Amino acid sequence: MDNLDRIIEERRKFQRVGFNLPLQYKNLRKSGEIATGSLTKDIGEGGVRFKSNEFISLACRLVVEINLPTITKPIKAISKVAWIRKIPATDEYELGNQFLEMSREDKSHVTDFVNKVMSKNL
């Protein structure tokens, strides 16, 4: 864990679990944009971290859909880019996204998923 990871971890309010889940995202302000696929690196009640092939500016609002293995339909949220960094020796970026809006049901699904993964890792 490097210094940036440590700082981010200390500021985080919600526990996250490392898990690769299929994710689709698109810019909230570009309604005609086709969603881009990625994989999560970690997820928690407060947000998600994933890779992108493109730079996305800080505070940009994204619509994200994440496929949890515990339910049949993807959860959907509006998030904002909290931080972004270039992955060394690649053309990829890693983004930390904070969930801003999500249905109660979807939030409950994320919480249940995180708790299940955490209980298996103990």
N, C-alpha and C. Protein backbone atom coordinates (compact mmCIF):
# COMPACT_ATOMS: atom_id res chain seq x y z
N MET A 1 0.86 -1.18 0.00
CA MET A 1 0.00 0.00 0.00
C MET A 1 0.90 1.24 0.00
N ASP A 2 0.73 2.11 -1.00
CA ASP A 2 1.55 3.32 -1.04
C ASP A 2 0.90 4.43 -0.20
N ASN A 3 1.57 5.58 -0.13
CA ASN A 3 1.08 6.67 0.73
C ASN A 3 -0.30 7.16 0.33
N LEU A 4 -0.57 7.27 -1.00
CA LEU A 4 -1.89 7.74 -1.44
C LEU A 4 -2.97 6.78 -0.99
N ASP A 5 -2.73 5.47 -1.14
CA ASP A 5 -3.71 4.48 -0.68
C ASP A 5 -3.96 4.61 0.82
N ARG A 6 -2.89 4.84 1.58
CA ARG A 6 -3.02 4.97 3.03
C ARG A 6 -3.85 6.20 3.41
N ILE A 7 -3.60 7.32 2.74
CA ILE A 7 -4.34 8.56 3.00
C ILE A 7 -5.82 8.37 2.66
N ILE A 8 -6.08 7.77 1.51
CA ILE A 8 -7.45 7.54 1.08
C ILE A 8 -8.16 6.63 2.07
N GLU A 9 -7.49 5.57 2.49
CA GLU A 9 -8.07 4.62 3.45
C GLU A 9 -8.43 5.31 4.76
N GLU A 10 -7.58 6.22 5.22
CA GLU A 10 -7.83 6.92 6.48
C GLU A 10 -9.03 7.85 6.37
N ARG A 11 -9.27 8.43 5.20
CA ARG A 11 -10.38 9.37 5.02
C ARG A 11 -11.70 8.66 4.75
N ARG A 12 -11.65 7.40 4.43
CA ARG A 12 -12.84 6.66 4.03
C ARG A 12 -13.77 6.42 5.23
N LYS A 13 -15.06 6.61 5.03
CA LYS A 13 -16.05 6.41 6.09
C LYS A 13 -16.59 4.99 6.09
N PHE A 14 -16.58 4.33 4.93
CA PHE A 14 -17.15 3.00 4.80
C PHE A 14 -16.08 1.99 4.43
N GLN A 15 -16.22 0.81 4.97
CA GLN A 15 -15.32 -0.29 4.65
C GLN A 15 -15.50 -0.70 3.19
N ARG A 16 -14.41 -1.01 2.51
CA ARG A 16 -14.47 -1.51 1.14
C ARG A 16 -13.84 -2.89 1.08
N VAL A 17 -14.31 -3.69 0.14
CA VAL A 17 -13.72 -5.01 -0.07
C VAL A 17 -13.17 -5.10 -1.48
N GLY A 18 -12.00 -5.70 -1.61
CA GLY A 18 -11.40 -5.91 -2.92
C GLY A 18 -12.14 -7.01 -3.65
N PHE A 19 -12.70 -6.68 -4.81
CA PHE A 19 -13.47 -7.66 -5.56
C PHE A 19 -13.61 -7.16 -6.99
N ASN A 20 -13.36 -8.03 -7.96
CA ASN A 20 -13.53 -7.67 -9.37
C ASN A 20 -14.95 -7.98 -9.81
N LEU A 21 -15.71 -6.92 -10.06
CA LEU A 21 -17.11 -7.05 -10.50
C LEU A 21 -17.29 -6.30 -11.82
N PRO A 22 -18.10 -6.84 -12.73
CA PRO A 22 -18.37 -6.10 -13.98
C PRO A 22 -19.06 -4.78 -13.67
N LEU A 23 -18.61 -3.73 -14.32
CA LEU A 23 -19.12 -2.38 -14.10
C LEU A 23 -19.27 -1.68 -15.46
N GLN A 24 -20.32 -0.90 -15.60
CA GLN A 24 -20.53 -0.04 -16.76
C GLN A 24 -20.64 1.39 -16.23
N TYR A 25 -20.03 2.33 -16.94
CA TYR A 25 -20.14 3.73 -16.51
C TYR A 25 -20.28 4.65 -17.71
N LYS A 26 -20.93 5.78 -17.48
CA LYS A 26 -21.00 6.83 -18.49
C LYS A 26 -21.17 8.17 -17.80
N ASN A 27 -20.79 9.22 -18.52
CA ASN A 27 -20.88 10.58 -18.00
C ASN A 27 -22.35 10.96 -17.89
N LEU A 28 -22.76 11.43 -16.73
CA LEU A 28 -24.15 11.81 -16.48
C LEU A 28 -24.62 12.92 -17.43
N ARG A 29 -23.73 13.85 -17.80
CA ARG A 29 -24.09 14.99 -18.62
C ARG A 29 -24.15 14.69 -20.12
N LYS A 30 -23.65 13.53 -20.51
CA LYS A 30 -23.66 13.15 -21.93
C LYS A 30 -24.67 12.04 -22.13
N SER A 31 -25.92 12.43 -22.32
CA SER A 31 -27.03 11.47 -22.35
C SER A 31 -26.93 10.46 -23.49
N GLY A 32 -26.36 10.83 -24.63
CA GLY A 32 -26.26 9.92 -25.76
C GLY A 32 -25.05 9.01 -25.71
N GLU A 33 -24.21 9.19 -24.71
CA GLU A 33 -22.97 8.43 -24.62
C GLU A 33 -23.25 6.95 -24.35
N ILE A 34 -22.49 6.08 -25.00
CA ILE A 34 -22.59 4.64 -24.75
C ILE A 34 -21.75 4.32 -23.52
N ALA A 35 -22.27 3.45 -22.67
CA ALA A 35 -21.56 3.08 -21.44
C ALA A 35 -20.27 2.35 -21.77
N THR A 36 -19.27 2.56 -20.93
CA THR A 36 -17.97 1.92 -21.06
C THR A 36 -17.87 0.83 -19.99
N GLY A 37 -17.33 -0.30 -20.36
CA GLY A 37 -17.19 -1.41 -19.41
C GLY A 37 -15.87 -1.38 -18.68
N SER A 38 -15.86 -1.90 -17.48
CA SER A 38 -14.66 -2.00 -16.67
C SER A 38 -14.88 -3.08 -15.61
N LEU A 39 -13.91 -3.23 -14.73
CA LEU A 39 -14.04 -4.10 -13.56
C LEU A 39 -13.74 -3.29 -12.32
N THR A 40 -14.48 -3.56 -11.26
CA THR A 40 -14.19 -2.90 -9.99
C THR A 40 -12.89 -3.46 -9.43
N LYS A 41 -12.22 -2.64 -8.65
CA LYS A 41 -11.06 -3.12 -7.88
C LYS A 41 -11.48 -3.31 -6.42
N ASP A 42 -12.37 -2.41 -5.97
CA ASP A 42 -12.98 -2.59 -4.65
C ASP A 42 -14.31 -1.85 -4.62
N ILE A 43 -15.14 -2.22 -3.64
CA ILE A 43 -16.47 -1.63 -3.52
C ILE A 43 -16.86 -1.57 -2.05
N GLY A 44 -17.65 -0.55 -1.71
CA GLY A 44 -18.18 -0.40 -0.36
C GLY A 44 -19.46 0.41 -0.43
N GLU A 45 -20.07 0.63 0.71
CA GLU A 45 -21.32 1.39 0.76
C GLU A 45 -21.15 2.81 0.23
N GLY A 46 -19.96 3.36 0.37
CA GLY A 46 -19.74 4.75 0.00
C GLY A 46 -19.22 4.98 -1.40
N GLY A 47 -18.76 3.90 -2.07
CA GLY A 47 -18.22 4.12 -3.40
C GLY A 47 -17.54 2.91 -3.99
N VAL A 48 -16.85 3.16 -5.09
CA VAL A 48 -16.23 2.07 -5.86
C VAL A 48 -14.94 2.58 -6.50
N ARG A 49 -13.98 1.67 -6.66
CA ARG A 49 -12.75 1.99 -7.37
C ARG A 49 -12.67 1.10 -8.60
N PHE A 50 -12.31 1.69 -9.75
CA PHE A 50 -12.18 0.92 -10.97
C PHE A 50 -11.17 1.56 -11.91
N LYS A 51 -10.82 0.83 -12.98
CA LYS A 51 -9.88 1.32 -13.98
C LYS A 51 -10.64 1.91 -15.16
N SER A 52 -9.97 2.85 -15.84
CA SER A 52 -10.52 3.45 -17.05
C SER A 52 -9.40 3.66 -18.05
N ASN A 53 -9.71 3.58 -19.33
CA ASN A 53 -8.73 3.86 -20.38
C ASN A 53 -8.66 5.34 -20.70
N GLU A 54 -9.54 6.13 -20.09
CA GLU A 54 -9.60 7.56 -20.37
C GLU A 54 -9.49 8.36 -19.08
N PHE A 55 -8.94 9.57 -19.19
CA PHE A 55 -8.89 10.48 -18.05
C PHE A 55 -10.30 11.04 -17.84
N ILE A 56 -10.78 11.02 -16.63
CA ILE A 56 -12.08 11.59 -16.27
C ILE A 56 -11.81 12.61 -15.17
N SER A 57 -12.27 13.82 -15.36
CA SER A 57 -11.92 14.90 -14.43
C SER A 57 -12.54 14.70 -13.05
N LEU A 58 -11.87 15.28 -12.07
CA LEU A 58 -12.36 15.25 -10.69
C LEU A 58 -13.75 15.87 -10.61
N ALA A 59 -14.57 15.32 -9.76
CA ALA A 59 -15.94 15.79 -9.51
C ALA A 59 -16.89 15.51 -10.67
N CYS A 60 -16.42 14.86 -11.74
CA CYS A 60 -17.30 14.49 -12.85
C CYS A 60 -18.35 13.52 -12.32
N ARG A 61 -19.60 13.74 -12.71
CA ARG A 61 -20.69 12.86 -12.29
C ARG A 61 -20.82 11.71 -13.30
N LEU A 62 -20.86 10.48 -12.78
CA LEU A 62 -21.00 9.30 -13.61
C LEU A 62 -22.23 8.51 -13.20
N VAL A 63 -22.83 7.85 -14.16
CA VAL A 63 -23.86 6.84 -13.88
C VAL A 63 -23.12 5.51 -13.92
N VAL A 64 -23.15 4.77 -12.83
CA VAL A 64 -22.48 3.47 -12.79
C VAL A 64 -23.49 2.36 -12.54
N GLU A 65 -23.27 1.26 -13.21
CA GLU A 65 -24.06 0.05 -12.99
C GLU A 65 -23.08 -1.06 -12.67
N ILE A 66 -23.33 -1.74 -11.56
CA ILE A 66 -22.42 -2.78 -11.09
C ILE A 66 -23.19 -4.08 -10.92
N ASN A 67 -22.63 -5.14 -11.46
CA ASN A 67 -23.25 -6.47 -11.35
C ASN A 67 -22.72 -7.18 -10.11
N LEU A 68 -23.57 -7.30 -9.11
CA LEU A 68 -23.21 -8.05 -7.91
C LEU A 68 -23.60 -9.51 -8.12
N PRO A 69 -22.78 -10.45 -7.67
CA PRO A 69 -23.11 -11.87 -7.88
C PRO A 69 -24.28 -12.36 -7.02
N THR A 70 -24.70 -11.55 -6.06
CA THR A 70 -25.76 -11.96 -5.14
C THR A 70 -27.17 -11.60 -5.63
N ILE A 71 -27.27 -10.80 -6.71
CA ILE A 71 -28.58 -10.41 -7.25
C ILE A 71 -28.56 -10.52 -8.78
N THR A 72 -29.74 -10.53 -9.38
CA THR A 72 -29.82 -10.75 -10.83
C THR A 72 -29.67 -9.48 -11.66
N LYS A 73 -30.16 -8.35 -11.17
CA LYS A 73 -30.04 -7.11 -11.95
C LYS A 73 -28.96 -6.22 -11.36
N PRO A 74 -28.29 -5.44 -12.20
CA PRO A 74 -27.21 -4.58 -11.68
C PRO A 74 -27.74 -3.48 -10.77
N ILE A 75 -26.91 -3.08 -9.81
CA ILE A 75 -27.26 -1.91 -9.00
C ILE A 75 -26.85 -0.69 -9.81
N LYS A 76 -27.57 0.40 -9.59
CA LYS A 76 -27.32 1.63 -10.35
C LYS A 76 -27.13 2.78 -9.37
N ALA A 77 -26.15 3.64 -9.68
CA ALA A 77 -25.88 4.79 -8.81
C ALA A 77 -25.35 5.95 -9.62
N ILE A 78 -25.55 7.13 -9.09
CA ILE A 78 -24.88 8.33 -9.61
C ILE A 78 -23.71 8.56 -8.65
N SER A 79 -22.53 8.71 -9.24
CA SER A 79 -21.33 8.89 -8.42
C SER A 79 -20.54 10.09 -8.92
N LYS A 80 -19.56 10.48 -8.12
CA LYS A 80 -18.64 11.52 -8.57
C LYS A 80 -17.22 11.02 -8.40
N VAL A 81 -16.36 11.44 -9.30
CA VAL A 81 -14.95 11.07 -9.24
C VAL A 81 -14.32 11.83 -8.07
N ALA A 82 -13.87 11.08 -7.06
CA ALA A 82 -13.26 11.68 -5.87
C ALA A 82 -11.76 11.83 -6.06
N TRP A 83 -11.15 10.91 -6.80
CA TRP A 83 -9.73 10.98 -7.11
C TRP A 83 -9.45 10.15 -8.35
N ILE A 84 -8.37 10.49 -9.03
CA ILE A 84 -7.93 9.75 -10.21
C ILE A 84 -6.42 9.79 -10.26
N ARG A 85 -5.83 8.67 -10.68
CA ARG A 85 -4.38 8.64 -10.85
C ARG A 85 -4.02 7.74 -12.03
N LYS A 86 -2.95 8.11 -12.70
CA LYS A 86 -2.47 7.32 -13.83
C LYS A 86 -1.75 6.11 -13.30
N ILE A 87 -2.01 4.96 -13.89
CA ILE A 87 -1.33 3.74 -13.49
C ILE A 87 0.03 3.72 -14.21
N PRO A 88 1.12 3.64 -13.47
CA PRO A 88 2.45 3.70 -14.09
C PRO A 88 2.64 2.62 -15.17
N ALA A 89 3.35 3.00 -16.21
CA ALA A 89 3.72 2.11 -17.32
C ALA A 89 2.51 1.58 -18.11
N THR A 90 1.38 2.27 -18.03
CA THR A 90 0.19 1.89 -18.80
C THR A 90 -0.48 3.15 -19.33
N ASP A 91 -1.51 2.95 -20.14
CA ASP A 91 -2.34 4.06 -20.60
C ASP A 91 -3.65 4.10 -19.82
N GLU A 92 -3.67 3.48 -18.66
CA GLU A 92 -4.90 3.39 -17.87
C GLU A 92 -4.85 4.30 -16.65
N TYR A 93 -6.04 4.57 -16.13
CA TYR A 93 -6.22 5.37 -14.93
C TYR A 93 -7.02 4.55 -13.92
N GLU A 94 -6.79 4.86 -12.66
CA GLU A 94 -7.56 4.26 -11.59
C GLU A 94 -8.38 5.39 -10.97
N LEU A 95 -9.66 5.13 -10.76
CA LEU A 95 -10.56 6.16 -10.25
C LEU A 95 -11.24 5.71 -8.96
N GLY A 96 -11.32 6.62 -8.01
CA GLY A 96 -12.13 6.42 -6.81
C GLY A 96 -13.40 7.22 -6.99
N ASN A 97 -14.54 6.53 -6.86
CA ASN A 97 -15.84 7.18 -7.05
C ASN A 97 -16.67 7.12 -5.78
N GLN A 98 -17.25 8.24 -5.43
CA GLN A 98 -18.14 8.32 -4.27
C GLN A 98 -19.58 8.24 -4.76
N PHE A 99 -20.36 7.33 -4.16
CA PHE A 99 -21.78 7.25 -4.51
C PHE A 99 -22.51 8.48 -3.97
N LEU A 100 -23.29 9.13 -4.85
CA LEU A 100 -24.07 10.30 -4.45
C LEU A 100 -25.55 9.96 -4.32
N GLU A 101 -26.06 9.20 -5.28
CA GLU A 101 -27.47 8.82 -5.28
C GLU A 101 -27.58 7.34 -5.64
N MET A 102 -28.39 6.64 -4.83
CA MET A 102 -28.63 5.22 -5.07
C MET A 102 -29.92 4.85 -4.35
N SER A 103 -30.70 3.97 -4.94
CA SER A 103 -31.94 3.57 -4.28
C SER A 103 -31.62 2.87 -2.96
N ARG A 104 -32.56 2.90 -2.05
CA ARG A 104 -32.38 2.22 -0.77
C ARG A 104 -32.13 0.73 -0.97
N GLU A 105 -32.87 0.18 -1.91
CA GLU A 105 -32.75 -1.26 -2.21
C GLU A 105 -31.32 -1.59 -2.71
N ASP A 106 -30.82 -0.79 -3.64
CA ASP A 106 -29.47 -1.04 -4.17
C ASP A 106 -28.41 -0.83 -3.10
N LYS A 107 -28.58 0.18 -2.26
CA LYS A 107 -27.63 0.41 -1.16
C LYS A 107 -27.61 -0.79 -0.22
N SER A 108 -28.78 -1.34 0.03
CA SER A 108 -28.89 -2.52 0.88
C SER A 108 -28.18 -3.71 0.24
N HIS A 109 -28.31 -3.86 -1.08
CA HIS A 109 -27.62 -4.95 -1.78
C HIS A 109 -26.10 -4.81 -1.66
N VAL A 110 -25.60 -3.58 -1.79
CA VAL A 110 -24.15 -3.34 -1.67
C VAL A 110 -23.70 -3.68 -0.25
N THR A 111 -24.42 -3.21 0.74
CA THR A 111 -24.09 -3.48 2.14
C THR A 111 -24.06 -4.97 2.42
N ASP A 112 -25.09 -5.68 1.95
CA ASP A 112 -25.16 -7.14 2.14
C ASP A 112 -23.97 -7.83 1.49
N PHE A 113 -23.64 -7.40 0.26
CA PHE A 113 -22.52 -8.01 -0.46
C PHE A 113 -21.21 -7.79 0.29
N VAL A 114 -20.94 -6.55 0.70
CA VAL A 114 -19.71 -6.23 1.43
C VAL A 114 -19.62 -7.06 2.71
N ASN A 115 -20.73 -7.14 3.45
CA ASN A 115 -20.74 -7.91 4.70
C ASN A 115 -20.47 -9.39 4.45
N LYS A 116 -21.03 -9.95 3.38
CA LYS A 116 -20.79 -11.36 3.07
C LYS A 116 -19.34 -11.60 2.73
N VAL A 117 -18.75 -10.72 1.90
CA VAL A 117 -17.34 -10.89 1.53
C VAL A 117 -16.45 -10.74 2.76
N MET A 118 -16.74 -9.76 3.59
CA MET A 118 -15.92 -9.53 4.78
C MET A 118 -16.00 -10.72 5.76
N SER A 119 -17.17 -11.29 5.91
CA SER A 119 -17.32 -12.41 6.85
C SER A 119 -16.57 -13.64 6.35
N LYS A 120 -16.43 -13.79 5.03
CA LYS A 120 -15.68 -14.93 4.48
C LYS A 120 -14.18 -14.70 4.55
N ASN A 121 -13.76 -13.43 4.62
CA ASN A 121 -12.33 -13.11 4.66
C ASN A 121 -11.76 -13.13 6.08
N LEU A 122 -12.61 -13.21 7.07
CA LEU A 122 -12.12 -13.18 8.46
C LEU A 122 -11.56 -14.52 8.89
